[in-house]
Amino acid sequence: MSQLAQQPCEACRSDAPPVSEQEIKTLQREIPEWSLVQRDGIPQLERVFAFRNFKQALAFTNQVGDLAEQAGHHPALLTEWGKVTVFWWTHAINGLHKNDFILAARTDALLTQAP
């Protein structure tokens, strides 16, 4: 598991500062498979995970859901046959917080735990 994935998430309020452009560049190096996208004007982290079939994709979706519940921070998930698209961002600030990068790294780590 990466060092980023091992960092603690902090409770995020609506007055929490979003990550700066420099912080984004630094943090993105730790999660190179993730893309920075804009959806409805909100910056988000996105990654598409590929699987052999729907059953594996659904199992991964449930793992991400468990991770989200444990952290109290919830992504958007799109589960399709053979793939899962995960979007992390912080709803309270309509942008990116360090927590999003931490949870993206933890999402990556789920792949090594998959049966």
N, C-alpha and C. Protein backbone atom coordinates (compact mmCIF):
# COMPACT_ATOMS: atom_id res chain seq x y z
N MET A 1 0.86 -1.17 0.00
CA MET A 1 0.00 0.00 0.00
C MET A 1 0.90 1.24 0.00
N SER A 2 0.55 2.24 -0.77
CA SER A 2 1.35 3.45 -0.88
C SER A 2 1.32 4.26 0.41
N GLN A 3 2.29 5.13 0.54
CA GLN A 3 2.33 6.01 1.72
C GLN A 3 1.09 6.90 1.76
N LEU A 4 0.64 7.35 0.60
CA LEU A 4 -0.55 8.20 0.56
C LEU A 4 -1.76 7.45 1.10
N ALA A 5 -1.90 6.19 0.73
CA ALA A 5 -3.05 5.39 1.17
C ALA A 5 -3.05 5.17 2.67
N GLN A 6 -1.90 5.24 3.29
CA GLN A 6 -1.79 5.02 4.73
C GLN A 6 -2.05 6.28 5.55
N GLN A 7 -2.14 7.42 4.90
CA GLN A 7 -2.38 8.65 5.64
C GLN A 7 -3.82 8.70 6.12
N PRO A 8 -4.05 9.35 7.26
CA PRO A 8 -5.43 9.43 7.77
C PRO A 8 -6.25 10.46 7.01
N CYS A 9 -7.52 10.18 6.89
CA CYS A 9 -8.46 11.17 6.35
C CYS A 9 -8.90 12.05 7.51
N GLU A 10 -9.13 13.31 7.21
CA GLU A 10 -9.62 14.22 8.25
C GLU A 10 -11.04 14.63 7.92
N ALA A 11 -11.81 14.91 8.95
CA ALA A 11 -13.19 15.36 8.73
C ALA A 11 -13.15 16.64 7.91
N CYS A 12 -13.99 16.72 6.93
CA CYS A 12 -13.97 17.86 6.01
C CYS A 12 -15.28 18.65 6.13
N ARG A 13 -15.14 19.93 6.41
CA ARG A 13 -16.31 20.81 6.52
C ARG A 13 -16.38 21.72 5.29
N SER A 14 -17.45 22.44 5.17
CA SER A 14 -17.65 23.30 4.01
C SER A 14 -16.64 24.44 3.94
N ASP A 15 -15.97 24.75 5.07
CA ASP A 15 -14.96 25.81 5.05
C ASP A 15 -13.53 25.25 4.91
N ALA A 16 -13.41 23.95 4.65
CA ALA A 16 -12.09 23.35 4.47
C ALA A 16 -11.49 23.86 3.16
N PRO A 17 -10.20 24.13 3.15
CA PRO A 17 -9.58 24.62 1.91
C PRO A 17 -9.37 23.48 0.92
N PRO A 18 -9.67 23.73 -0.35
CA PRO A 18 -9.35 22.73 -1.36
C PRO A 18 -7.84 22.66 -1.55
N VAL A 19 -7.36 21.59 -2.15
CA VAL A 19 -5.94 21.48 -2.42
C VAL A 19 -5.55 22.52 -3.47
N SER A 20 -4.34 23.01 -3.38
CA SER A 20 -3.83 24.00 -4.33
C SER A 20 -3.38 23.29 -5.61
N GLU A 21 -3.12 24.07 -6.65
CA GLU A 21 -2.63 23.50 -7.90
C GLU A 21 -1.30 22.76 -7.66
N GLN A 22 -0.42 23.32 -6.84
CA GLN A 22 0.86 22.67 -6.55
C GLN A 22 0.64 21.37 -5.79
N GLU A 23 -0.28 21.38 -4.81
CA GLU A 23 -0.57 20.15 -4.07
C GLU A 23 -1.14 19.08 -5.00
N ILE A 24 -1.99 19.49 -5.93
CA ILE A 24 -2.57 18.54 -6.90
C ILE A 24 -1.45 17.87 -7.69
N LYS A 25 -0.49 18.65 -8.19
CA LYS A 25 0.61 18.09 -8.97
C LYS A 25 1.41 17.09 -8.15
N THR A 26 1.67 17.44 -6.90
CA THR A 26 2.45 16.56 -6.03
C THR A 26 1.68 15.28 -5.72
N LEU A 27 0.42 15.41 -5.35
CA LEU A 27 -0.40 14.26 -4.98
C LEU A 27 -0.70 13.36 -6.17
N GLN A 28 -0.86 13.95 -7.34
CA GLN A 28 -1.17 13.15 -8.53
C GLN A 28 -0.04 12.21 -8.91
N ARG A 29 1.18 12.55 -8.54
CA ARG A 29 2.30 11.66 -8.82
C ARG A 29 2.16 10.34 -8.07
N GLU A 30 1.44 10.37 -6.96
CA GLU A 30 1.25 9.15 -6.16
C GLU A 30 0.11 8.28 -6.69
N ILE A 31 -0.73 8.84 -7.53
CA ILE A 31 -1.85 8.08 -8.10
C ILE A 31 -1.88 8.30 -9.62
N PRO A 32 -0.85 7.85 -10.33
CA PRO A 32 -0.70 8.18 -11.76
C PRO A 32 -1.80 7.64 -12.67
N GLU A 33 -2.54 6.64 -12.22
CA GLU A 33 -3.60 6.07 -13.06
C GLU A 33 -4.87 6.92 -13.04
N TRP A 34 -4.94 7.89 -12.15
CA TRP A 34 -6.13 8.72 -11.99
C TRP A 34 -6.02 9.97 -12.85
N SER A 35 -7.16 10.37 -13.42
CA SER A 35 -7.23 11.59 -14.23
C SER A 35 -7.94 12.68 -13.44
N LEU A 36 -7.52 13.90 -13.67
CA LEU A 36 -8.20 15.06 -13.12
C LEU A 36 -9.21 15.51 -14.16
N VAL A 37 -10.49 15.49 -13.81
CA VAL A 37 -11.56 15.85 -14.74
C VAL A 37 -12.44 16.93 -14.11
N GLN A 38 -13.20 17.59 -14.96
CA GLN A 38 -14.20 18.57 -14.50
C GLN A 38 -15.57 18.02 -14.86
N ARG A 39 -16.45 17.89 -13.88
CA ARG A 39 -17.83 17.48 -14.14
C ARG A 39 -18.72 18.54 -13.52
N ASP A 40 -19.54 19.15 -14.33
CA ASP A 40 -20.41 20.23 -13.88
C ASP A 40 -19.61 21.33 -13.19
N GLY A 41 -18.41 21.59 -13.71
CA GLY A 41 -17.57 22.64 -13.18
C GLY A 41 -16.85 22.29 -11.88
N ILE A 42 -16.92 21.03 -11.46
CA ILE A 42 -16.30 20.59 -10.21
C ILE A 42 -15.12 19.68 -10.54
N PRO A 43 -13.92 20.02 -10.04
CA PRO A 43 -12.78 19.13 -10.28
C PRO A 43 -12.95 17.83 -9.50
N GLN A 44 -12.64 16.73 -10.19
CA GLN A 44 -12.79 15.40 -9.59
C GLN A 44 -11.65 14.51 -10.08
N LEU A 45 -11.39 13.47 -9.30
CA LEU A 45 -10.46 12.43 -9.71
C LEU A 45 -11.27 11.29 -10.31
N GLU A 46 -10.80 10.76 -11.42
CA GLU A 46 -11.52 9.68 -12.11
C GLU A 46 -10.56 8.58 -12.52
N ARG A 47 -11.02 7.36 -12.34
CA ARG A 47 -10.27 6.21 -12.86
C ARG A 47 -11.26 5.13 -13.28
N VAL A 48 -10.94 4.48 -14.38
CA VAL A 48 -11.72 3.35 -14.87
C VAL A 48 -10.93 2.08 -14.56
N PHE A 49 -11.56 1.16 -13.87
CA PHE A 49 -10.96 -0.13 -13.52
C PHE A 49 -11.60 -1.20 -14.41
N ALA A 50 -10.78 -2.03 -15.03
CA ALA A 50 -11.27 -3.08 -15.93
C ALA A 50 -11.31 -4.43 -15.23
N PHE A 51 -12.37 -5.21 -15.55
CA PHE A 51 -12.56 -6.54 -14.98
C PHE A 51 -12.99 -7.50 -16.07
N ARG A 52 -12.95 -8.78 -15.77
CA ARG A 52 -13.30 -9.79 -16.77
C ARG A 52 -14.80 -9.90 -17.03
N ASN A 53 -15.60 -9.50 -16.03
CA ASN A 53 -17.03 -9.68 -16.18
C ASN A 53 -17.78 -8.76 -15.20
N PHE A 54 -19.08 -8.83 -15.25
CA PHE A 54 -19.89 -7.97 -14.38
C PHE A 54 -19.76 -8.37 -12.91
N LYS A 55 -19.68 -9.66 -12.64
CA LYS A 55 -19.60 -10.13 -11.26
C LYS A 55 -18.37 -9.56 -10.57
N GLN A 56 -17.23 -9.58 -11.23
CA GLN A 56 -16.01 -9.00 -10.66
C GLN A 56 -16.13 -7.49 -10.49
N ALA A 57 -16.73 -6.84 -11.47
CA ALA A 57 -16.92 -5.39 -11.38
C ALA A 57 -17.83 -5.04 -10.20
N LEU A 58 -18.87 -5.81 -10.02
CA LEU A 58 -19.79 -5.56 -8.91
C LEU A 58 -19.12 -5.81 -7.56
N ALA A 59 -18.31 -6.86 -7.48
CA ALA A 59 -17.59 -7.14 -6.23
C ALA A 59 -16.65 -5.99 -5.89
N PHE A 60 -15.97 -5.45 -6.89
CA PHE A 60 -15.08 -4.31 -6.66
C PHE A 60 -15.88 -3.08 -6.23
N THR A 61 -17.01 -2.86 -6.86
CA THR A 61 -17.87 -1.74 -6.48
C THR A 61 -18.24 -1.85 -5.00
N ASN A 62 -18.57 -3.04 -4.55
CA ASN A 62 -18.92 -3.24 -3.14
C ASN A 62 -17.72 -3.00 -2.22
N GLN A 63 -16.52 -3.38 -2.67
CA GLN A 63 -15.32 -3.09 -1.88
C GLN A 63 -15.11 -1.58 -1.75
N VAL A 64 -15.30 -0.86 -2.83
CA VAL A 64 -15.15 0.61 -2.79
C VAL A 64 -16.23 1.19 -1.88
N GLY A 65 -17.42 0.63 -1.93
CA GLY A 65 -18.49 1.09 -1.04
C GLY A 65 -18.15 0.88 0.41
N ASP A 66 -17.55 -0.26 0.74
CA ASP A 66 -17.12 -0.52 2.12
C ASP A 66 -16.04 0.47 2.54
N LEU A 67 -15.09 0.72 1.66
CA LEU A 67 -14.03 1.69 1.92
C LEU A 67 -14.63 3.07 2.20
N ALA A 68 -15.58 3.46 1.38
CA ALA A 68 -16.22 4.77 1.52
C ALA A 68 -16.96 4.88 2.85
N GLU A 69 -17.66 3.85 3.23
CA GLU A 69 -18.39 3.86 4.49
C GLU A 69 -17.44 3.98 5.67
N GLN A 70 -16.34 3.26 5.62
CA GLN A 70 -15.36 3.32 6.70
C GLN A 70 -14.78 4.73 6.84
N ALA A 71 -14.58 5.40 5.72
CA ALA A 71 -13.98 6.74 5.73
C ALA A 71 -15.02 7.84 5.93
N GLY A 72 -16.30 7.51 5.73
CA GLY A 72 -17.33 8.55 5.79
C GLY A 72 -17.20 9.54 4.65
N HIS A 73 -16.73 9.05 3.51
CA HIS A 73 -16.48 9.90 2.34
C HIS A 73 -16.86 9.07 1.12
N HIS A 74 -17.78 9.56 0.30
CA HIS A 74 -18.41 8.71 -0.70
C HIS A 74 -18.19 9.20 -2.13
N PRO A 75 -17.72 8.30 -3.01
CA PRO A 75 -17.49 8.64 -4.41
C PRO A 75 -18.75 8.42 -5.24
N ALA A 76 -18.65 8.82 -6.48
CA ALA A 76 -19.63 8.40 -7.48
C ALA A 76 -19.06 7.13 -8.10
N LEU A 77 -19.91 6.15 -8.28
CA LEU A 77 -19.49 4.86 -8.84
C LEU A 77 -20.39 4.50 -10.02
N LEU A 78 -19.78 4.12 -11.13
CA LEU A 78 -20.52 3.65 -12.28
C LEU A 78 -20.05 2.23 -12.57
N THR A 79 -20.94 1.27 -12.36
CA THR A 79 -20.61 -0.14 -12.56
C THR A 79 -21.26 -0.62 -13.85
N GLU A 80 -20.42 -1.17 -14.71
CA GLU A 80 -20.87 -1.67 -16.00
C GLU A 80 -20.27 -3.06 -16.20
N TRP A 81 -20.67 -3.74 -17.28
CA TRP A 81 -20.08 -5.03 -17.57
C TRP A 81 -18.59 -4.81 -17.81
N GLY A 82 -17.77 -5.44 -16.97
CA GLY A 82 -16.33 -5.43 -17.16
C GLY A 82 -15.60 -4.17 -16.74
N LYS A 83 -16.30 -3.20 -16.14
CA LYS A 83 -15.57 -2.02 -15.69
C LYS A 83 -16.33 -1.25 -14.61
N VAL A 84 -15.54 -0.54 -13.82
CA VAL A 84 -16.08 0.33 -12.79
C VAL A 84 -15.36 1.66 -12.91
N THR A 85 -16.12 2.74 -13.00
CA THR A 85 -15.55 4.07 -13.02
C THR A 85 -15.80 4.69 -11.66
N VAL A 86 -14.72 5.19 -11.05
CA VAL A 86 -14.79 5.78 -9.71
C VAL A 86 -14.43 7.26 -9.82
N PHE A 87 -15.25 8.10 -9.19
CA PHE A 87 -15.00 9.54 -9.13
C PHE A 87 -14.91 9.96 -7.67
N TRP A 88 -13.78 10.52 -7.27
CA TRP A 88 -13.63 11.06 -5.91
C TRP A 88 -13.58 12.57 -5.97
N TRP A 89 -14.34 13.23 -5.10
CA TRP A 89 -14.26 14.66 -4.86
C TRP A 89 -14.96 14.92 -3.55
N THR A 90 -14.76 16.10 -3.02
CA THR A 90 -15.36 16.43 -1.73
C THR A 90 -16.60 17.29 -1.95
N HIS A 91 -17.74 16.71 -1.68
CA HIS A 91 -19.01 17.39 -1.92
C HIS A 91 -19.11 18.68 -1.11
N ALA A 92 -18.63 18.67 0.12
CA ALA A 92 -18.77 19.82 1.03
C ALA A 92 -18.09 21.07 0.49
N ILE A 93 -17.03 20.88 -0.32
CA ILE A 93 -16.32 22.05 -0.85
C ILE A 93 -16.43 22.15 -2.37
N ASN A 94 -17.20 21.25 -2.98
CA ASN A 94 -17.34 21.22 -4.44
C ASN A 94 -15.98 21.27 -5.13
N GLY A 95 -15.08 20.43 -4.64
CA GLY A 95 -13.74 20.40 -5.21
C GLY A 95 -12.93 19.28 -4.61
N LEU A 96 -11.63 19.41 -4.74
CA LEU A 96 -10.73 18.36 -4.28
C LEU A 96 -10.06 18.72 -2.96
N HIS A 97 -10.04 17.77 -2.08
CA HIS A 97 -9.39 17.86 -0.78
C HIS A 97 -8.36 16.73 -0.75
N LYS A 98 -7.40 16.81 0.14
CA LYS A 98 -6.39 15.75 0.24
C LYS A 98 -7.04 14.39 0.47
N ASN A 99 -8.17 14.36 1.17
CA ASN A 99 -8.89 13.10 1.40
C ASN A 99 -9.19 12.37 0.10
N ASP A 100 -9.49 13.11 -0.96
CA ASP A 100 -9.84 12.48 -2.23
C ASP A 100 -8.65 11.72 -2.80
N PHE A 101 -7.47 12.28 -2.66
CA PHE A 101 -6.26 11.62 -3.14
C PHE A 101 -5.93 10.40 -2.28
N ILE A 102 -6.13 10.54 -0.98
CA ILE A 102 -5.90 9.41 -0.06
C ILE A 102 -6.83 8.25 -0.42
N LEU A 103 -8.10 8.57 -0.64
CA LEU A 103 -9.06 7.50 -0.94
C LEU A 103 -8.87 6.94 -2.35
N ALA A 104 -8.37 7.74 -3.27
CA ALA A 104 -8.02 7.20 -4.59
C ALA A 104 -6.90 6.18 -4.43
N ALA A 105 -5.90 6.51 -3.62
CA ALA A 105 -4.80 5.57 -3.37
C ALA A 105 -5.31 4.31 -2.68
N ARG A 106 -6.23 4.46 -1.76
CA ARG A 106 -6.81 3.28 -1.08
C ARG A 106 -7.64 2.45 -2.05
N THR A 107 -8.29 3.11 -2.99
CA THR A 107 -9.06 2.38 -4.00
C THR A 107 -8.11 1.55 -4.85
N ASP A 108 -6.98 2.13 -5.24
CA ASP A 108 -5.98 1.37 -5.99
C ASP A 108 -5.53 0.15 -5.20
N ALA A 109 -5.34 0.31 -3.90
CA ALA A 109 -4.87 -0.79 -3.05
C ALA A 109 -5.88 -1.95 -3.00
N LEU A 110 -7.15 -1.65 -3.24
CA LEU A 110 -8.15 -2.72 -3.23
C LEU A 110 -7.87 -3.77 -4.30
N LEU A 111 -7.26 -3.35 -5.39
CA LEU A 111 -6.97 -4.29 -6.48
C LEU A 111 -6.02 -5.39 -6.02
N THR A 112 -5.10 -5.07 -5.13
CA THR A 112 -4.16 -6.09 -4.65
C THR A 112 -4.82 -7.00 -3.63
N GLN A 113 -5.96 -6.58 -3.10
CA GLN A 113 -6.68 -7.38 -2.10
C GLN A 113 -7.78 -8.22 -2.74
N ALA A 114 -8.04 -7.99 -4.00
CA ALA A 114 -9.16 -8.68 -4.67
C ALA A 114 -8.89 -10.19 -4.72
N PRO A 115 -9.96 -10.97 -4.55
CA PRO A 115 -9.81 -12.44 -4.59
C PRO A 115 -9.46 -12.93 -5.99
